[in-house]
């Protein structure tokens, strides 16, 4: 009997995505080896996104607004200003954190991306969370873990390491793709292939509920849920952007206009809209603000 029992959500000749009853979240079975994973993220991952930096430049104002909102949520939950960004990529959040007065550190497996991230003045180490050279008593008020947990082979251990690095009363902001959500499942019924399944890049497939439950099993307390724009809305309205890069950029632009308009004219309603979607298990991402309780 398999050690990962549960319904098969997606199947190929060599692997399956299993909604694992033992783990409490969906994941690939079998998992790649530790060596395969390390090689993938240290050498080849960003090659899959050749236009990433160009698109970051095109979307910079939007990125900055989104990240400023996120840092505000984090900052309202803690009194200290020492932050760690795990998997910091090109350093977009680190740059906004430094500008906002945070003492910000980051780690990133890709050496070129890490060098770019460090240009903002933050200390950035090359490698994963487990390889950071930290003092035994070096703790953080906040850890930012965005689009990371879907990539790691043992999310439970990863969250335990975050727990160890947080001060009591500190917070953890986690964001992952909200996969196999109701609107994606509706599109699959209409004949769309599950474009959100991205093996070997994504090993784990979370929902709002499974992410919350996973973190709670590690001792974290859930504070608030968030999400991002439900891009599936466009596909359900007939604009199947998933296999059309140009259309994808077009509908993303519409999302940016929607957010910019509400951020200017009714900012509280934008936050309330995304929180309401999260409570219904909708939105493109599952995002939670967790705390490590003080004794």
C-alpha atoms as a PDB file:
ATOM      1  CA  UNK A   1       0.000   0.000   0.000  1.00  0.00           C
ATOM      2  CA  UNK A   2       1.347   3.439  -0.888  1.00  0.00           C
ATOM      3  CA  UNK A   3       2.472   5.676   1.995  1.00  0.00           C
ATOM      4  CA  UNK A   4       0.615   8.534   0.298  1.00  0.00           C
ATOM      5  CA  UNK A   5      -2.989   7.351  -0.030  1.00  0.00           C
ATOM      6  CA  UNK A   6      -5.633   9.608  -1.475  1.00  0.00           C
ATOM      7  CA  UNK A   7      -7.501  10.572  -4.640  1.00  0.00           C
ATOM      8  CA  UNK A   8      -5.405  11.093  -7.764  1.00  0.00           C
ATOM      9  CA  UNK A   9      -5.998  14.645  -9.016  1.00  0.00           C
ATOM     10  CA  UNK A  10      -3.796  14.405 -12.098  1.00  0.00           C
ATOM     11  CA  UNK A  11      -1.951  11.465 -13.673  1.00  0.00           C
ATOM     12  CA  UNK A  12       0.853  10.995 -16.212  1.00  0.00           C
ATOM     13  CA  UNK A  13       2.912   7.943 -17.178  1.00  0.00           C
ATOM     14  CA  UNK A  14       5.618   8.726 -14.614  1.00  0.00           C
ATOM     15  CA  UNK A  15       3.981  10.606 -11.728  1.00  0.00           C
ATOM     16  CA  UNK A  16       0.680  11.625 -10.193  1.00  0.00           C
ATOM     17  CA  UNK A  17      -0.634  14.489  -8.098  1.00  0.00           C
ATOM     18  CA  UNK A  18      -2.214  12.829  -5.073  1.00  0.00           C
ATOM     19  CA  UNK A  19      -4.498  14.552  -2.572  1.00  0.00           C
ATOM     20  CA  UNK A  20      -2.635  12.834   0.228  1.00  0.00           C
ATOM     21  CA  UNK A  21      -4.632  11.929   3.326  1.00  0.00           C
ATOM     22  CA  UNK A  22      -1.441  11.271   5.304  1.00  0.00           C
ATOM     23  CA  UNK A  23       0.174  14.649   4.528  1.00  0.00           C
ATOM     24  CA  UNK A  24      -3.008  16.713   4.459  1.00  0.00           C
ATOM     25  CA  UNK A  25      -2.239  18.410   1.135  1.00  0.00           C
ATOM     26  CA  UNK A  26      -1.792  17.386  -2.503  1.00  0.00           C
ATOM     27  CA  UNK A  27       1.677  16.620  -3.836  1.00  0.00           C
ATOM     28  CA  UNK A  28       3.580  14.828  -6.575  1.00  0.00           C
ATOM     29  CA  UNK A  29       4.154  11.107  -6.139  1.00  0.00           C
ATOM     30  CA  UNK A  30       6.906  10.012  -6.481  1.00  0.00           C
ATOM     31  CA  UNK A  31       8.937  13.053  -5.491  1.00  0.00           C
ATOM     32  CA  UNK A  32      12.198  13.898  -7.297  1.00  0.00           C
ATOM     33  CA  UNK A  33      15.410  13.090  -5.436  1.00  0.00           C
ATOM     34  CA  UNK A  34      17.083  15.697  -3.229  1.00  0.00           C
ATOM     35  CA  UNK A  35      19.915  15.983  -5.753  1.00  0.00           C
ATOM     36  CA  UNK A  36      17.527  16.565  -8.661  1.00  0.00           C
ATOM     37  CA  UNK A  37      15.736  19.275  -6.729  1.00  0.00           C
ATOM     38  CA  UNK A  38      18.965  21.034  -5.701  1.00  0.00           C
ATOM     39  CA  UNK A  39      20.275  21.038  -9.274  1.00  0.00           C
ATOM     40  CA  UNK A  40      16.988  22.291 -10.637  1.00  0.00           C
ATOM     41  CA  UNK A  41      16.839  25.355  -8.400  1.00  0.00           C
ATOM     42  CA  UNK A  42      20.510  26.282  -8.299  1.00  0.00           C
ATOM     43  CA  UNK A  43      21.109  26.053 -12.040  1.00  0.00           C
ATOM     44  CA  UNK A  44      18.036  25.820 -14.196  1.00  0.00           C
ATOM     45  CA  UNK A  45      14.925  27.252 -12.596  1.00  0.00           C
ATOM     46  CA  UNK A  46      15.027  30.851 -13.825  1.00  0.00           C
ATOM     47  CA  UNK A  47      15.873  29.725 -17.354  1.00  0.00           C
ATOM     48  CA  UNK A  48      12.248  28.646 -17.601  1.00  0.00           C
ATOM     49  CA  UNK A  49      11.204  32.300 -17.288  1.00  0.00           C
ATOM     50  CA  UNK A  50      13.370  34.190 -19.803  1.00  0.00           C
ATOM     51  CA  UNK A  51      11.102  37.269 -19.774  1.00  0.00           C
ATOM     52  CA  UNK A  52      10.787  37.442 -15.995  1.00  0.00           C
ATOM     53  CA  UNK A  53      12.992  40.481 -15.438  1.00  0.00           C
ATOM     54  CA  UNK A  54      11.545  42.301 -18.461  1.00  0.00           C
ATOM     55  CA  UNK A  55       8.033  41.739 -17.139  1.00  0.00           C
ATOM     56  CA  UNK A  56       9.089  42.839 -13.661  1.00  0.00           C
ATOM     57  CA  UNK A  57      10.278  46.096 -15.169  1.00  0.00           C
ATOM     58  CA  UNK A  58       7.026  46.540 -17.094  1.00  0.00           C
ATOM     59  CA  UNK A  59       4.955  45.801 -13.967  1.00  0.00           C
ATOM     60  CA  UNK A  60       7.174  47.516 -11.415  1.00  0.00           C
ATOM     61  CA  UNK A  61       4.623  50.028 -10.130  1.00  0.00           C
ATOM     62  CA  UNK A  62       2.056  47.274  -9.656  1.00  0.00           C
ATOM     63  CA  UNK A  63       4.575  44.988  -7.889  1.00  0.00           C
ATOM     64  CA  UNK A  64       5.586  47.784  -5.537  1.00  0.00           C
ATOM     65  CA  UNK A  65       1.975  48.523  -4.582  1.00  0.00           C
ATOM     66  CA  UNK A  66       1.226  44.845  -3.909  1.00  0.00           C
ATOM     67  CA  UNK A  67       4.383  44.392  -1.835  1.00  0.00           C
ATOM     68  CA  UNK A  68       3.819  47.595   0.127  1.00  0.00           C
ATOM     69  CA  UNK A  69       0.357  46.326   1.043  1.00  0.00           C
ATOM     70  CA  UNK A  70       1.846  43.015   2.166  1.00  0.00           C
ATOM     71  CA  UNK A  71       4.566  44.666   4.240  1.00  0.00           C
ATOM     72  CA  UNK A  72       1.933  46.865   5.869  1.00  0.00           C
ATOM     73  CA  UNK A  73      -0.033  43.770   6.938  1.00  0.00           C
ATOM     74  CA  UNK A  74       3.120  42.196   8.347  1.00  0.00           C
ATOM     75  CA  UNK A  75       4.221  45.402  10.050  1.00  0.00           C
ATOM     76  CA  UNK A  76       0.888  45.878  11.775  1.00  0.00           C
ATOM     77  CA  UNK A  77       1.273  42.465  13.424  1.00  0.00           C
ATOM     78  CA  UNK A  78       4.747  42.965  14.961  1.00  0.00           C
ATOM     79  CA  UNK A  79       6.646  45.690  16.781  1.00  0.00           C
ATOM     80  CA  UNK A  80      10.148  44.751  15.582  1.00  0.00           C
ATOM     81  CA  UNK A  81      11.543  45.344  12.110  1.00  0.00           C
ATOM     82  CA  UNK A  82      13.869  42.424  11.426  1.00  0.00           C
ATOM     83  CA  UNK A  83      12.649  40.485   8.383  1.00  0.00           C
ATOM     84  CA  UNK A  84      13.815  37.440   6.427  1.00  0.00           C
ATOM     85  CA  UNK A  85      12.645  36.890   2.845  1.00  0.00           C
ATOM     86  CA  UNK A  86      13.079  33.236   1.901  1.00  0.00           C
ATOM     87  CA  UNK A  87      13.499  32.596  -1.827  1.00  0.00           C
ATOM     88  CA  UNK A  88      13.818  36.325  -2.415  1.00  0.00           C
ATOM     89  CA  UNK A  89      14.304  36.046  -6.202  1.00  0.00           C
ATOM     90  CA  UNK A  90      15.228  39.396  -7.740  1.00  0.00           C
ATOM     91  CA  UNK A  91      14.739  41.172  -4.412  1.00  0.00           C
ATOM     92  CA  UNK A  92      11.514  43.062  -5.078  1.00  0.00           C
ATOM     93  CA  UNK A  93      10.197  42.671  -1.540  1.00  0.00           C
ATOM     94  CA  UNK A  94      13.628  43.241   0.010  1.00  0.00           C
ATOM     95  CA  UNK A  95      13.915  46.528  -1.858  1.00  0.00           C
ATOM     96  CA  UNK A  96      10.546  47.742  -0.557  1.00  0.00           C
ATOM     97  CA  UNK A  97      11.365  46.501   2.954  1.00  0.00           C
ATOM     98  CA  UNK A  98      14.687  48.350   3.077  1.00  0.00           C
ATOM     99  CA  UNK A  99      12.997  51.503   1.777  1.00  0.00           C
ATOM    100  CA  UNK A 100      10.368  51.102   4.510  1.00  0.00           C
ATOM    101  CA  UNK A 101      12.886  50.899   7.332  1.00  0.00           C
ATOM    102  CA  UNK A 102      13.083  47.143   7.827  1.00  0.00           C
ATOM    103  CA  UNK A 103      16.341  45.373   8.635  1.00  0.00           C
ATOM    104  CA  UNK A 104      15.905  42.905   5.800  1.00  0.00           C
ATOM    105  CA  UNK A 105      17.818  39.737   4.922  1.00  0.00           C
ATOM    106  CA  UNK A 106      17.188  37.241   2.154  1.00  0.00           C
ATOM    107  CA  UNK A 107      18.232  33.894   0.753  1.00  0.00           C
ATOM    108  CA  UNK A 108      17.996  32.727  -2.847  1.00  0.00           C
ATOM    109  CA  UNK A 109      19.349  29.503  -4.480  1.00  0.00           C
ATOM    110  CA  UNK A 110      20.192  31.185  -7.793  1.00  0.00           C
ATOM    111  CA  UNK A 111      23.465  33.127  -7.525  1.00  0.00           C
ATOM    112  CA  UNK A 112      22.627  35.667 -10.252  1.00  0.00           C
ATOM    113  CA  UNK A 113      19.237  36.458  -8.750  1.00  0.00           C
ATOM    114  CA  UNK A 114      20.785  36.696  -5.273  1.00  0.00           C
ATOM    115  CA  UNK A 115      23.324  39.240  -6.543  1.00  0.00           C
ATOM    116  CA  UNK A 116      20.537  41.295  -8.095  1.00  0.00           C
ATOM    117  CA  UNK A 117      18.549  41.167  -4.857  1.00  0.00           C
ATOM    118  CA  UNK A 118      21.549  42.318  -2.796  1.00  0.00           C
ATOM    119  CA  UNK A 119      21.847  45.467  -4.914  1.00  0.00           C
ATOM    120  CA  UNK A 120      19.124  47.072  -2.774  1.00  0.00           C
ATOM    121  CA  UNK A 121      21.427  47.003   0.240  1.00  0.00           C
ATOM    122  CA  UNK A 122      20.001  43.936   1.960  1.00  0.00           C
ATOM    123  CA  UNK A 123      22.172  41.041   3.059  1.00  0.00           C
ATOM    124  CA  UNK A 124      21.423  38.083   0.765  1.00  0.00           C
ATOM    125  CA  UNK A 125      22.896  34.591   1.022  1.00  0.00           C
ATOM    126  CA  UNK A 126      23.098  32.169  -1.900  1.00  0.00           C
ATOM    127  CA  UNK A 127      21.257  28.946  -1.130  1.00  0.00           C
ATOM    128  CA  UNK A 128      18.213  27.770   0.717  1.00  0.00           C
ATOM    129  CA  UNK A 129      16.926  28.441   4.196  1.00  0.00           C
ATOM    130  CA  UNK A 130      18.770  25.461   5.646  1.00  0.00           C
ATOM    131  CA  UNK A 131      22.138  26.790   4.420  1.00  0.00           C
ATOM    132  CA  UNK A 132      21.963  30.288   5.932  1.00  0.00           C
ATOM    133  CA  UNK A 133      24.883  31.079   8.234  1.00  0.00           C
ATOM    134  CA  UNK A 134      22.998  32.456  11.240  1.00  0.00           C
ATOM    135  CA  UNK A 135      23.996  32.752  14.855  1.00  0.00           C
ATOM    136  CA  UNK A 136      22.301  30.331  17.226  1.00  0.00           C
ATOM    137  CA  UNK A 137      20.281  33.114  18.848  1.00  0.00           C
ATOM    138  CA  UNK A 138      19.635  35.088  15.647  1.00  0.00           C
ATOM    139  CA  UNK A 139      15.872  35.486  15.358  1.00  0.00           C
ATOM    140  CA  UNK A 140      13.451  37.411  13.153  1.00  0.00           C
ATOM    141  CA  UNK A 141      10.315  39.410  13.830  1.00  0.00           C
ATOM    142  CA  UNK A 142       8.877  38.346  10.484  1.00  0.00           C
ATOM    143  CA  UNK A 143       9.547  35.768   7.780  1.00  0.00           C
ATOM    144  CA  UNK A 144       8.192  36.173   4.261  1.00  0.00           C
ATOM    145  CA  UNK A 145       7.659  32.848   2.479  1.00  0.00           C
ATOM    146  CA  UNK A 146       6.032  33.541  -0.861  1.00  0.00           C
ATOM    147  CA  UNK A 147       5.824  31.007  -3.703  1.00  0.00           C
ATOM    148  CA  UNK A 148       8.237  28.717  -1.875  1.00  0.00           C
ATOM    149  CA  UNK A 149       6.317  25.898  -0.135  1.00  0.00           C
ATOM    150  CA  UNK A 150       5.038  24.514  -3.430  1.00  0.00           C
ATOM    151  CA  UNK A 151       8.656  23.858  -4.419  1.00  0.00           C
ATOM    152  CA  UNK A 152      10.065  22.061  -1.351  1.00  0.00           C
ATOM    153  CA  UNK A 153       9.914  18.282  -0.806  1.00  0.00           C
ATOM    154  CA  UNK A 154       9.179  18.484   2.943  1.00  0.00           C
ATOM    155  CA  UNK A 155       6.991  21.500   3.771  1.00  0.00           C
ATOM    156  CA  UNK A 156       6.550  20.353   7.380  1.00  0.00           C
ATOM    157  CA  UNK A 157      10.302  20.499   8.046  1.00  0.00           C
ATOM    158  CA  UNK A 158      10.545  23.820   6.235  1.00  0.00           C
ATOM    159  CA  UNK A 159       7.891  25.383   8.442  1.00  0.00           C
ATOM    160  CA  UNK A 160       9.596  23.993  11.542  1.00  0.00           C
ATOM    161  CA  UNK A 161      12.792  25.754  10.506  1.00  0.00           C
ATOM    162  CA  UNK A 162      10.814  28.974  10.127  1.00  0.00           C
ATOM    163  CA  UNK A 163       9.385  28.441  13.614  1.00  0.00           C
ATOM    164  CA  UNK A 164      12.909  28.110  15.025  1.00  0.00           C
ATOM    165  CA  UNK A 165      14.022  31.344  13.345  1.00  0.00           C
ATOM    166  CA  UNK A 166      11.049  33.423  14.512  1.00  0.00           C
ATOM    167  CA  UNK A 167      10.948  35.280  17.778  1.00  0.00           C
ATOM    168  CA  UNK A 168       8.010  34.346  20.018  1.00  0.00           C
ATOM    169  CA  UNK A 169       5.262  36.698  18.876  1.00  0.00           C
ATOM    170  CA  UNK A 170       6.810  36.907  15.413  1.00  0.00           C
ATOM    171  CA  UNK A 171       4.834  36.352  12.229  1.00  0.00           C
ATOM    172  CA  UNK A 172       5.137  34.225   9.124  1.00  0.00           C
ATOM    173  CA  UNK A 173       3.552  35.372   5.862  1.00  0.00           C
ATOM    174  CA  UNK A 174       3.018  32.425   3.514  1.00  0.00           C
ATOM    175  CA  UNK A 175       1.718  32.597  -0.048  1.00  0.00           C
ATOM    176  CA  UNK A 176       1.285  29.663  -2.427  1.00  0.00           C
ATOM    177  CA  UNK A 177      -0.744  29.049  -5.588  1.00  0.00           C
ATOM    178  CA  UNK A 178      -4.348  28.162  -4.725  1.00  0.00           C
ATOM    179  CA  UNK A 179      -4.490  25.036  -6.868  1.00  0.00           C
ATOM    180  CA  UNK A 180      -7.380  22.730  -7.770  1.00  0.00           C
ATOM    181  CA  UNK A 181      -9.654  25.526  -6.559  1.00  0.00           C
ATOM    182  CA  UNK A 182     -13.361  25.476  -7.503  1.00  0.00           C
ATOM    183  CA  UNK A 183     -12.987  27.702 -10.564  1.00  0.00           C
ATOM    184  CA  UNK A 184     -10.039  25.698 -11.889  1.00  0.00           C
ATOM    185  CA  UNK A 185     -12.048  22.518 -11.414  1.00  0.00           C
ATOM    186  CA  UNK A 186     -14.935  24.096 -13.332  1.00  0.00           C
ATOM    187  CA  UNK A 187     -12.624  24.871 -16.249  1.00  0.00           C
ATOM    188  CA  UNK A 188     -11.268  21.327 -16.135  1.00  0.00           C
ATOM    189  CA  UNK A 189     -14.843  20.045 -16.466  1.00  0.00           C
ATOM    190  CA  UNK A 190     -15.144  22.265 -19.541  1.00  0.00           C
ATOM    191  CA  UNK A 191     -12.205  20.449 -21.106  1.00  0.00           C
ATOM    192  CA  UNK A 192      -9.224  22.590 -20.087  1.00  0.00           C
ATOM    193  CA  UNK A 193      -6.080  20.723 -19.129  1.00  0.00           C
ATOM    194  CA  UNK A 194      -4.840  21.606 -15.609  1.00  0.00           C
ATOM    195  CA  UNK A 195      -2.392  24.333 -16.617  1.00  0.00           C
ATOM    196  CA  UNK A 196      -1.566  25.001 -12.964  1.00  0.00           C
ATOM    197  CA  UNK A 197       0.150  21.595 -12.599  1.00  0.00           C
ATOM    198  CA  UNK A 198       3.821  22.408 -13.127  1.00  0.00           C
ATOM    199  CA  UNK A 199       6.022  19.417 -12.345  1.00  0.00           C
ATOM    200  CA  UNK A 200       8.955  19.496 -11.542  1.00  0.00           C
ATOM    201  CA  UNK A 201       8.713  23.182 -10.588  1.00  0.00           C
ATOM    202  CA  UNK A 202       5.767  22.633  -8.252  1.00  0.00           C
ATOM    203  CA  UNK A 203       5.852  19.563  -6.039  1.00  0.00           C
ATOM    204  CA  UNK A 204       2.998  20.524  -3.690  1.00  0.00           C
ATOM    205  CA  UNK A 205      -0.530  21.806  -4.444  1.00  0.00           C
ATOM    206  CA  UNK A 206      -2.235  23.703  -1.644  1.00  0.00           C
ATOM    207  CA  UNK A 207      -5.617  25.242  -0.979  1.00  0.00           C
ATOM    208  CA  UNK A 208      -6.435  27.905   1.597  1.00  0.00           C
ATOM    209  CA  UNK A 209      -7.632  25.187   3.959  1.00  0.00           C
ATOM    210  CA  UNK A 210      -4.745  22.752   3.526  1.00  0.00           C
ATOM    211  CA  UNK A 211      -2.129  25.495   3.953  1.00  0.00           C
ATOM    212  CA  UNK A 212      -3.796  26.703   7.142  1.00  0.00           C
ATOM    213  CA  UNK A 213      -4.035  23.190   8.543  1.00  0.00           C
ATOM    214  CA  UNK A 214      -0.400  22.401   7.698  1.00  0.00           C
ATOM    215  CA  UNK A 215       0.877  25.497   9.501  1.00  0.00           C
ATOM    216  CA  UNK A 216      -1.365  24.878  12.499  1.00  0.00           C
ATOM    217  CA  UNK A 217       0.046  21.366  12.843  1.00  0.00           C
ATOM    218  CA  UNK A 218       3.481  22.962  13.210  1.00  0.00           C
ATOM    219  CA  UNK A 219       2.214  25.156  16.058  1.00  0.00           C
ATOM    220  CA  UNK A 220       1.438  28.369  14.177  1.00  0.00           C
ATOM    221  CA  UNK A 221      -1.703  30.390  14.879  1.00  0.00           C
ATOM    222  CA  UNK A 222      -3.646  31.632  11.857  1.00  0.00           C
ATOM    223  CA  UNK A 223      -4.314  35.379  11.982  1.00  0.00           C
ATOM    224  CA  UNK A 224      -5.724  36.433   8.597  1.00  0.00           C
ATOM    225  CA  UNK A 225      -6.258  35.027   5.109  1.00  0.00           C
ATOM    226  CA  UNK A 226      -5.688  36.829   1.829  1.00  0.00           C
ATOM    227  CA  UNK A 227      -5.559  36.053  -1.852  1.00  0.00           C
ATOM    228  CA  UNK A 228      -4.806  37.681  -5.200  1.00  0.00           C
ATOM    229  CA  UNK A 229      -6.950  38.346  -8.247  1.00  0.00           C
ATOM    230  CA  UNK A 230      -8.804  35.207  -9.460  1.00  0.00           C
ATOM    231  CA  UNK A 231      -7.288  35.039 -12.937  1.00  0.00           C
ATOM    232  CA  UNK A 232      -9.576  32.106 -13.735  1.00  0.00           C
ATOM    233  CA  UNK A 233     -12.355  34.686 -13.932  1.00  0.00           C
ATOM    234  CA  UNK A 234     -11.104  35.719 -17.368  1.00  0.00           C
ATOM    235  CA  UNK A 235     -11.051  32.113 -18.599  1.00  0.00           C
ATOM    236  CA  UNK A 236     -14.565  31.511 -17.295  1.00  0.00           C
ATOM    237  CA  UNK A 237     -15.665  34.637 -19.206  1.00  0.00           C
ATOM    238  CA  UNK A 238     -14.310  33.135 -22.421  1.00  0.00           C
ATOM    239  CA  UNK A 239     -10.776  34.547 -22.525  1.00  0.00           C
ATOM    240  CA  UNK A 240      -8.688  31.393 -22.317  1.00  0.00           C
ATOM    241  CA  UNK A 241      -5.369  33.065 -21.632  1.00  0.00           C
ATOM    242  CA  UNK A 242      -3.570  30.002 -20.280  1.00  0.00           C
ATOM    243  CA  UNK A 243      -1.915  28.914 -23.544  1.00  0.00           C
ATOM    244  CA  UNK A 244      -1.708  32.385 -25.101  1.00  0.00           C
ATOM    245  CA  UNK A 245       1.126  34.493 -23.684  1.00  0.00           C
ATOM    246  CA  UNK A 246      -0.022  37.684 -25.401  1.00  0.00           C
ATOM    247  CA  UNK A 247      -3.570  37.314 -24.103  1.00  0.00           C
ATOM    248  CA  UNK A 248      -2.139  36.467 -20.693  1.00  0.00           C
ATOM    249  CA  UNK A 249      -0.309  39.788 -20.586  1.00  0.00           C
ATOM    250  CA  UNK A 250      -3.474  41.571 -21.759  1.00  0.00           C
ATOM    251  CA  UNK A 251      -5.703  40.191 -19.016  1.00  0.00           C
ATOM    252  CA  UNK A 252      -2.957  40.733 -16.445  1.00  0.00           C
ATOM    253  CA  UNK A 253      -3.015  44.369 -17.516  1.00  0.00           C
ATOM    254  CA  UNK A 254      -6.736  44.502 -16.816  1.00  0.00           C
ATOM    255  CA  UNK A 255      -6.113  43.085 -13.353  1.00  0.00           C
ATOM    256  CA  UNK A 256      -3.543  45.843 -12.750  1.00  0.00           C
ATOM    257  CA  UNK A 257      -6.029  48.538 -13.792  1.00  0.00           C
ATOM    258  CA  UNK A 258      -8.718  47.053 -11.526  1.00  0.00           C
ATOM    259  CA  UNK A 259      -6.399  47.052  -8.520  1.00  0.00           C
ATOM    260  CA  UNK A 260      -4.925  50.491  -9.215  1.00  0.00           C
ATOM    261  CA  UNK A 261      -8.387  52.017  -9.524  1.00  0.00           C
ATOM    262  CA  UNK A 262      -9.642  50.562  -6.256  1.00  0.00           C
ATOM    263  CA  UNK A 263      -6.363  51.254  -4.467  1.00  0.00           C
ATOM    264  CA  UNK A 264      -6.794  54.926  -5.361  1.00  0.00           C
ATOM    265  CA  UNK A 265     -10.545  55.305  -4.901  1.00  0.00           C
ATOM    266  CA  UNK A 266     -11.598  52.656  -2.363  1.00  0.00           C
ATOM    267  CA  UNK A 267      -8.527  50.933  -0.876  1.00  0.00           C
ATOM    268  CA  UNK A 268     -10.368  49.325   2.042  1.00  0.00           C
ATOM    269  CA  UNK A 269     -12.772  47.615  -0.349  1.00  0.00           C
ATOM    270  CA  UNK A 270      -9.876  46.069  -2.312  1.00  0.00           C
ATOM    271  CA  UNK A 271      -8.515  44.435   0.833  1.00  0.00           C
ATOM    272  CA  UNK A 272     -12.016  43.350   1.889  1.00  0.00           C
ATOM    273  CA  UNK A 273     -12.661  41.876  -1.571  1.00  0.00           C
ATOM    274  CA  UNK A 274      -9.574  39.672  -1.448  1.00  0.00           C
ATOM    275  CA  UNK A 275     -10.229  38.589   2.124  1.00  0.00           C
ATOM    276  CA  UNK A 276     -13.805  37.632   1.207  1.00  0.00           C
ATOM    277  CA  UNK A 277     -12.560  35.570  -1.750  1.00  0.00           C
ATOM    278  CA  UNK A 278     -10.059  33.827   0.509  1.00  0.00           C
ATOM    279  CA  UNK A 279     -12.794  32.840   2.935  1.00  0.00           C
ATOM    280  CA  UNK A 280     -14.595  31.117   0.028  1.00  0.00           C
ATOM    281  CA  UNK A 281     -11.460  29.240  -1.040  1.00  0.00           C
ATOM    282  CA  UNK A 282     -11.127  31.376  -4.181  1.00  0.00           C
ATOM    283  CA  UNK A 283      -8.439  33.622  -5.659  1.00  0.00           C
ATOM    284  CA  UNK A 284      -5.282  32.677  -7.518  1.00  0.00           C
ATOM    285  CA  UNK A 285      -3.166  32.424  -4.371  1.00  0.00           C
ATOM    286  CA  UNK A 286      -3.666  31.124  -0.857  1.00  0.00           C
ATOM    287  CA  UNK A 287      -2.043  33.576   1.535  1.00  0.00           C
ATOM    288  CA  UNK A 288      -2.025  33.442   5.316  1.00  0.00           C
ATOM    289  CA  UNK A 289      -0.491  35.538   8.060  1.00  0.00           C
ATOM    290  CA  UNK A 290       0.513  33.237  10.905  1.00  0.00           C
ATOM    291  CA  UNK A 291       2.070  33.944  14.282  1.00  0.00           C
ATOM    292  CA  UNK A 292       4.416  32.020  16.522  1.00  0.00           C
ATOM    293  CA  UNK A 293       2.603  32.548  19.823  1.00  0.00           C
ATOM    294  CA  UNK A 294       4.462  34.205  22.652  1.00  0.00           C
ATOM    295  CA  UNK A 295       4.755  32.013  25.773  1.00  0.00           C
END
